[in-house]
Amino acid sequence: MFKELLMRKLLQSKLGSLPKEEQDKIIKVVTKNPELFQEIAMKIKTKMDSGMDQMKATMSVMEEYKDQVQKLMAED
């Protein structure tokens, strides 16, 4: 419970420029499967550490996980 609260606060701080409704959608998806998003973050970091810029690394990794993320977003 405490871990989820911290994760929500962190996400809210990072998503500050998005409308509240969009923030809520993203937070809901991430809290459904935090392990998946941790894995995604680690892969992005690895690609960035090897010299790829953040946008390309993110797009590359998200393409790999597109189906899983879409499935999470479709669940309600």
C-alpha atoms as a PDB file:
ATOM      1  CA  MET A   1       0.000   0.000   0.000  1.00  0.00           C
ATOM      2  CA  PHE A   2       2.743   2.459   0.991  1.00  0.00           C
ATOM      3  CA  LYS A   3       4.809   1.446  -2.030  1.00  0.00           C
ATOM      4  CA  GLU A   4       1.833   2.087  -4.327  1.00  0.00           C
ATOM      5  CA  LEU A   5       1.259   5.509  -2.767  1.00  0.00           C
ATOM      6  CA  LEU A   6       4.902   6.450  -3.351  1.00  0.00           C
ATOM      7  CA  MET A   7       4.723   5.233  -6.932  1.00  0.00           C
ATOM      8  CA  ARG A   8       1.569   7.296  -7.540  1.00  0.00           C
ATOM      9  CA  LYS A   9       3.213  10.434  -6.138  1.00  0.00           C
ATOM     10  CA  LEU A  10       6.336   9.906  -8.243  1.00  0.00           C
ATOM     11  CA  LEU A  11       4.289   9.377 -11.396  1.00  0.00           C
ATOM     12  CA  GLN A  12       2.172  12.449 -10.672  1.00  0.00           C
ATOM     13  CA  SER A  13       5.297  14.557 -10.317  1.00  0.00           C
ATOM     14  CA  LYS A  14       6.681  13.252 -13.624  1.00  0.00           C
ATOM     15  CA  LEU A  15       3.357  13.662 -15.455  1.00  0.00           C
ATOM     16  CA  GLY A  16       2.640  17.147 -14.141  1.00  0.00           C
ATOM     17  CA  SER A  17       2.069  18.722 -17.564  1.00  0.00           C
ATOM     18  CA  LEU A  18      -0.596  16.192 -18.608  1.00  0.00           C
ATOM     19  CA  PRO A  19      -4.280  16.707 -17.880  1.00  0.00           C
ATOM     20  CA  LYS A  20      -5.465  14.967 -14.678  1.00  0.00           C
ATOM     21  CA  GLU A  21      -7.566  12.461 -16.633  1.00  0.00           C
ATOM     22  CA  GLU A  22      -4.542  11.335 -18.670  1.00  0.00           C
ATOM     23  CA  GLN A  23      -2.401  11.143 -15.524  1.00  0.00           C
ATOM     24  CA  ASP A  24      -5.005   8.904 -13.891  1.00  0.00           C
ATOM     25  CA  LYS A  25      -5.049   6.558 -16.903  1.00  0.00           C
ATOM     26  CA  ILE A  26      -1.275   6.193 -16.896  1.00  0.00           C
ATOM     27  CA  ILE A  27      -1.095   5.697 -13.139  1.00  0.00           C
ATOM     28  CA  LYS A  28      -3.813   3.049 -13.306  1.00  0.00           C
ATOM     29  CA  VAL A  29      -1.965   1.091 -16.015  1.00  0.00           C
ATOM     30  CA  VAL A  30       1.392   1.292 -14.236  1.00  0.00           C
ATOM     31  CA  THR A  31      -0.060   0.174 -10.897  1.00  0.00           C
ATOM     32  CA  LYS A  32      -1.684  -2.848 -12.574  1.00  0.00           C
ATOM     33  CA  ASN A  33       1.721  -4.289 -13.452  1.00  0.00           C
ATOM     34  CA  PRO A  34       4.591  -2.312 -11.908  1.00  0.00           C
ATOM     35  CA  GLU A  35       7.075  -5.108 -12.630  1.00  0.00           C
ATOM     36  CA  LEU A  36       6.482  -4.753 -16.371  1.00  0.00           C
ATOM     37  CA  PHE A  37       7.124  -1.018 -16.256  1.00  0.00           C
ATOM     38  CA  GLN A  38      10.227  -1.529 -14.136  1.00  0.00           C
ATOM     39  CA  GLU A  39      11.516  -3.949 -16.780  1.00  0.00           C
ATOM     40  CA  ILE A  40      10.724  -1.416 -19.510  1.00  0.00           C
ATOM     41  CA  ALA A  41      12.552   1.328 -17.594  1.00  0.00           C
ATOM     42  CA  MET A  42      15.623  -0.870 -17.140  1.00  0.00           C
ATOM     43  CA  LYS A  43      15.755  -1.705 -20.866  1.00  0.00           C
ATOM     44  CA  ILE A  44      15.455   1.981 -21.760  1.00  0.00           C
ATOM     45  CA  LYS A  45      18.260   2.825 -19.328  1.00  0.00           C
ATOM     46  CA  THR A  46      20.471   0.078 -20.791  1.00  0.00           C
ATOM     47  CA  LYS A  47      19.971   1.423 -24.310  1.00  0.00           C
ATOM     48  CA  MET A  48      20.670   4.977 -23.150  1.00  0.00           C
ATOM     49  CA  ASP A  49      23.831   3.818 -21.356  1.00  0.00           C
ATOM     50  CA  SER A  50      25.030   2.315 -24.619  1.00  0.00           C
ATOM     51  CA  GLY A  51      24.722   5.705 -26.325  1.00  0.00           C
ATOM     52  CA  MET A  52      21.188   5.803 -27.703  1.00  0.00           C
ATOM     53  CA  ASP A  53      19.283   9.030 -27.022  1.00  0.00           C
ATOM     54  CA  GLN A  54      16.303   8.881 -24.671  1.00  0.00           C
ATOM     55  CA  MET A  55      13.578   9.269 -27.304  1.00  0.00           C
ATOM     56  CA  LYS A  56      14.969   6.553 -29.582  1.00  0.00           C
ATOM     57  CA  ALA A  57      15.574   4.219 -26.649  1.00  0.00           C
ATOM     58  CA  THR A  58      12.047   4.741 -25.357  1.00  0.00           C
ATOM     59  CA  MET A  59      10.440   4.248 -28.760  1.00  0.00           C
ATOM     60  CA  SER A  60      12.505   1.117 -29.400  1.00  0.00           C
ATOM     61  CA  VAL A  61      11.631  -0.510 -26.083  1.00  0.00           C
ATOM     62  CA  MET A  62       7.979   0.527 -26.167  1.00  0.00           C
ATOM     63  CA  GLU A  63       7.640  -1.051 -29.598  1.00  0.00           C
ATOM     64  CA  GLU A  64       8.753  -4.349 -28.001  1.00  0.00           C
ATOM     65  CA  TYR A  65       6.157  -4.058 -25.247  1.00  0.00           C
ATOM     66  CA  LYS A  66       3.370  -2.462 -27.289  1.00  0.00           C
ATOM     67  CA  ASP A  67       1.023  -5.447 -27.133  1.00  0.00           C
ATOM     68  CA  GLN A  68       1.418  -5.940 -23.384  1.00  0.00           C
ATOM     69  CA  VAL A  69       0.844  -2.252 -22.636  1.00  0.00           C
ATOM     70  CA  GLN A  70      -2.178  -2.102 -24.925  1.00  0.00           C
ATOM     71  CA  LYS A  71      -3.630  -5.165 -23.203  1.00  0.00           C
ATOM     72  CA  LEU A  72      -3.225  -3.495 -19.799  1.00  0.00           C
ATOM     73  CA  MET A  73      -4.862  -0.324 -21.098  1.00  0.00           C
ATOM     74  CA  ALA A  74      -7.805  -2.284 -22.477  1.00  0.00           C
ATOM     75  CA  GLU A  75      -8.499  -3.997 -19.156  1.00  0.00           C
ATOM     76  CA  ASP A  76     -10.902  -2.184 -16.895  1.00  0.00           C
END
